[in-house]
Structure formats: C-alpha cells, structure tokens
Amino acid sequence: MEKVAMNFFVTEKASQEVLKIAQENNITEPILRIRVVPGGCSGFQYAMGFDDTIEEGDHVFEYGGVKVVIDQFSMPYVNNAELDYVMDFMGGGFTIKNPNVTGSCGCGSSFSCG
C-alpha cells in the first residue's frame, strides 16, 4: 500500500499571530495542536490550542517558529488545508481553508467531508 504524503500549511500572518499569543502567555516554544472533533450540525468542528507534548503518530509541521501538530485521526480531514489569520471590520480571527470540506452549516462553525 502506497503512503500518501500529508501536508498542512500556515500563512505568515497566522504564524505571527500564534507567536504573539504564545509570547503573551509566556510560551517560549509554541506547539499548536489542531484537531478535528465530532460536533456541530454538519458533523465535525476544529479545535485548536497550545500543547506541551508531541504524541507518537502525530504529524508535525513547522512554520515561522511555530510547530503545528495534528493527530492521526484529524490529519486526513485537514490534509492540504491552510491556517490563516484574517482581519476584518469585526476584528481578527483564525480560519482554516480546507479543500476537503464538502459542506458546512449555516453559521460556519462545523463542516462535513466527503
């Protein structure tokens, strides 16, 4: 069975914002864990936060001084996705641009994959 390459991308703006938040919380070597968890009306939601360990089997990506860690369950759902930080008139926030999403709920807080 051929292994499929797994990728996850982080924009420069997102990595800068993660570093800023880490610094505000006295985290010197940030490990950002991104997970896909069951929930919402479309089936899945993203969960994101700082972690202090990398578990066996985790996929690790590094961008701009930030280690992004994704577990084995979540990785197929976010393969080739991109974490970005977007500013608009309401403020700023992280967003994940995910090519695997086949549908999302009206409020945009959950998604489904085909």
C-alpha atoms as a PDB file:
ATOM      1  CA  MET A   1       0.000   0.000   0.000  1.00  0.00           C
ATOM      2  CA  GLU A   2       1.417   3.377  -1.046  1.00  0.00           C
ATOM      3  CA  LYS A   3       1.761   6.046   1.633  1.00  0.00           C
ATOM      4  CA  VAL A   4       0.062   9.332   0.800  1.00  0.00           C
ATOM      5  CA  ALA A   5       2.002  12.497   1.639  1.00  0.00           C
ATOM      6  CA  MET A   6       0.185  14.597   4.221  1.00  0.00           C
ATOM      7  CA  ASN A   7       0.513  18.383   4.254  1.00  0.00           C
ATOM      8  CA  PHE A   8      -0.762  21.289   6.300  1.00  0.00           C
ATOM      9  CA  PHE A   9       0.133  24.916   5.646  1.00  0.00           C
ATOM     10  CA  VAL A  10       0.312  28.040   7.809  1.00  0.00           C
ATOM     11  CA  THR A  11       0.393  31.567   6.404  1.00  0.00           C
ATOM     12  CA  GLU A  12       2.975  34.043   7.638  1.00  0.00           C
ATOM     13  CA  LYS A  13       0.189  36.155   9.175  1.00  0.00           C
ATOM     14  CA  ALA A  14      -1.126  33.140  11.126  1.00  0.00           C
ATOM     15  CA  SER A  15       2.308  32.100  12.388  1.00  0.00           C
ATOM     16  CA  GLN A  16       2.999  35.684  13.526  1.00  0.00           C
ATOM     17  CA  GLU A  17      -0.296  35.783  15.430  1.00  0.00           C
ATOM     18  CA  VAL A  18       0.362  32.394  17.059  1.00  0.00           C
ATOM     19  CA  LEU A  19       3.799  33.627  18.167  1.00  0.00           C
ATOM     20  CA  LYS A  20       2.246  36.819  19.551  1.00  0.00           C
ATOM     21  CA  ILE A  21      -0.337  34.866  21.567  1.00  0.00           C
ATOM     22  CA  ALA A  22       2.337  32.440  22.771  1.00  0.00           C
ATOM     23  CA  GLN A  23       4.524  35.317  23.935  1.00  0.00           C
ATOM     24  CA  GLU A  24       1.578  36.902  25.798  1.00  0.00           C
ATOM     25  CA  ASN A  25       1.149  33.560  27.603  1.00  0.00           C
ATOM     26  CA  ASN A  26       4.880  33.070  28.319  1.00  0.00           C
ATOM     27  CA  ILE A  27       5.125  30.079  25.962  1.00  0.00           C
ATOM     28  CA  THR A  28       8.668  30.053  24.587  1.00  0.00           C
ATOM     29  CA  GLU A  29       8.445  27.121  22.149  1.00  0.00           C
ATOM     30  CA  PRO A  30       4.849  27.027  20.937  1.00  0.00           C
ATOM     31  CA  ILE A  31       3.296  23.753  19.854  1.00  0.00           C
ATOM     32  CA  LEU A  32      -0.078  24.451  18.267  1.00  0.00           C
ATOM     33  CA  ARG A  33      -2.337  21.394  18.217  1.00  0.00           C
ATOM     34  CA  ILE A  34      -5.116  21.354  15.617  1.00  0.00           C
ATOM     35  CA  ARG A  35      -7.781  18.669  15.916  1.00  0.00           C
ATOM     36  CA  VAL A  36     -10.950  17.675  14.141  1.00  0.00           C
ATOM     37  CA  VAL A  37     -13.634  16.664  16.635  1.00  0.00           C
ATOM     38  CA  PRO A  38     -17.199  15.399  16.169  1.00  0.00           C
ATOM     39  CA  GLY A  39     -19.709  18.182  16.670  1.00  0.00           C
ATOM     40  CA  GLY A  40     -21.937  20.819  15.173  1.00  0.00           C
ATOM     41  CA  CYS A  41     -24.798  20.299  12.794  1.00  0.00           C
ATOM     42  CA  SER A  42     -22.549  19.253   9.876  1.00  0.00           C
ATOM     43  CA  GLY A  43     -20.565  16.571  11.693  1.00  0.00           C
ATOM     44  CA  PHE A  44     -17.116  17.991  12.541  1.00  0.00           C
ATOM     45  CA  GLN A  45     -15.540  21.031  14.161  1.00  0.00           C
ATOM     46  CA  TYR A  46     -11.985  22.292  14.519  1.00  0.00           C
ATOM     47  CA  ALA A  47     -10.317  22.520  17.926  1.00  0.00           C
ATOM     48  CA  MET A  48      -7.097  24.461  18.304  1.00  0.00           C
ATOM     49  CA  GLY A  49      -4.861  25.272  21.252  1.00  0.00           C
ATOM     50  CA  PHE A  50      -1.362  25.148  22.663  1.00  0.00           C
ATOM     51  CA  ASP A  51       0.058  21.819  23.788  1.00  0.00           C
ATOM     52  CA  ASP A  52       3.290  20.888  25.500  1.00  0.00           C
ATOM     53  CA  THR A  53       3.776  17.407  24.060  1.00  0.00           C
ATOM     54  CA  ILE A  54       4.027  15.732  20.696  1.00  0.00           C
ATOM     55  CA  GLU A  55       2.461  12.273  20.803  1.00  0.00           C
ATOM     56  CA  GLU A  56       3.631   9.225  18.873  1.00  0.00           C
ATOM     57  CA  GLY A  57       1.945   9.208  15.466  1.00  0.00           C
ATOM     58  CA  ASP A  58       1.348  12.984  15.394  1.00  0.00           C
ATOM     59  CA  HIS A  59       2.064  14.811  12.157  1.00  0.00           C
ATOM     60  CA  VAL A  60       4.370  17.776  12.821  1.00  0.00           C
ATOM     61  CA  PHE A  61       4.767  20.811  10.557  1.00  0.00           C
ATOM     62  CA  GLU A  62       6.888  23.877  11.313  1.00  0.00           C
ATOM     63  CA  TYR A  63       6.257  27.382  10.002  1.00  0.00           C
ATOM     64  CA  GLY A  64       7.875  30.591  11.201  1.00  0.00           C
ATOM     65  CA  GLY A  65       8.959  29.194  14.559  1.00  0.00           C
ATOM     66  CA  VAL A  66       5.626  27.508  15.293  1.00  0.00           C
ATOM     67  CA  LYS A  67       5.251  23.732  15.450  1.00  0.00           C
ATOM     68  CA  VAL A  68       1.809  22.650  14.272  1.00  0.00           C
ATOM     69  CA  VAL A  69       0.800  19.191  15.496  1.00  0.00           C
ATOM     70  CA  ILE A  70      -2.096  17.164  14.068  1.00  0.00           C
ATOM     71  CA  ASP A  71      -3.140  13.731  15.341  1.00  0.00           C
ATOM     72  CA  GLN A  72      -3.638  10.682  13.112  1.00  0.00           C
ATOM     73  CA  PHE A  73      -7.456  10.846  13.253  1.00  0.00           C
ATOM     74  CA  SER A  74      -7.596  14.518  12.238  1.00  0.00           C
ATOM     75  CA  MET A  75      -4.904  14.530   9.540  1.00  0.00           C
ATOM     76  CA  PRO A  76      -6.949  13.064   6.651  1.00  0.00           C
ATOM     77  CA  TYR A  77      -9.651  15.690   7.277  1.00  0.00           C
ATOM     78  CA  VAL A  78      -7.193  18.617   7.118  1.00  0.00           C
ATOM     79  CA  ASN A  79      -4.708  17.308   4.544  1.00  0.00           C
ATOM     80  CA  ASN A  80      -3.587  20.214   2.319  1.00  0.00           C
ATOM     81  CA  ALA A  81      -5.553  22.733   4.407  1.00  0.00           C
ATOM     82  CA  GLU A  82      -4.175  26.138   5.384  1.00  0.00           C
ATOM     83  CA  LEU A  83      -4.356  28.030   8.666  1.00  0.00           C
ATOM     84  CA  ASP A  84      -4.673  31.775   8.131  1.00  0.00           C
ATOM     85  CA  TYR A  85      -5.311  34.823  10.293  1.00  0.00           C
ATOM     86  CA  VAL A  86      -7.792  37.286   8.833  1.00  0.00           C
ATOM     87  CA  MET A  87      -8.616  40.839   9.915  1.00  0.00           C
ATOM     88  CA  ASP A  88     -11.935  42.460   9.055  1.00  0.00           C
ATOM     89  CA  PHE A  89     -14.157  45.233  10.439  1.00  0.00           C
ATOM     90  CA  MET A  90     -15.253  42.922  13.291  1.00  0.00           C
ATOM     91  CA  GLY A  91     -11.667  42.193  14.391  1.00  0.00           C
ATOM     92  CA  GLY A  92      -9.358  39.296  13.670  1.00  0.00           C
ATOM     93  CA  GLY A  93      -9.509  35.556  13.837  1.00  0.00           C
ATOM     94  CA  PHE A  94      -8.018  32.306  12.663  1.00  0.00           C
ATOM     95  CA  THR A  95      -9.566  30.486   9.740  1.00  0.00           C
ATOM     96  CA  ILE A  96      -8.826  27.142   8.121  1.00  0.00           C
ATOM     97  CA  LYS A  97      -9.122  26.961   4.347  1.00  0.00           C
ATOM     98  CA  ASN A  98      -9.809  23.277   3.817  1.00  0.00           C
ATOM     99  CA  PRO A  99     -10.095  21.721   0.330  1.00  0.00           C
ATOM    100  CA  ASN A 100     -11.584  18.533   1.846  1.00  0.00           C
ATOM    101  CA  VAL A 101     -14.775  20.198   3.079  1.00  0.00           C
ATOM    102  CA  THR A 102     -17.846  19.157   1.115  1.00  0.00           C
ATOM    103  CA  GLY A 103     -20.414  21.067   3.179  1.00  0.00           C
ATOM    104  CA  SER A 104     -20.794  23.349   6.166  1.00  0.00           C
ATOM    105  CA  CYS A 105     -23.565  24.574   8.408  1.00  0.00           C
ATOM    106  CA  GLY A 106     -25.209  27.963   8.017  1.00  0.00           C
ATOM    107  CA  CYS A 107     -23.288  29.545  10.886  1.00  0.00           C
ATOM    108  CA  GLY A 108     -19.975  28.176   9.603  1.00  0.00           C
ATOM    109  CA  SER A 109     -18.882  26.514  12.833  1.00  0.00           C
ATOM    110  CA  SER A 110     -18.945  22.915  11.589  1.00  0.00           C
ATOM    111  CA  PHE A 111     -18.242  21.046   8.377  1.00  0.00           C
ATOM    112  CA  SER A 112     -18.527  17.715   6.600  1.00  0.00           C
ATOM    113  CA  CYS A 113     -16.060  15.846   4.398  1.00  0.00           C
ATOM    114  CA  GLY A 114     -16.946  13.515   1.540  1.00  0.00           C
END
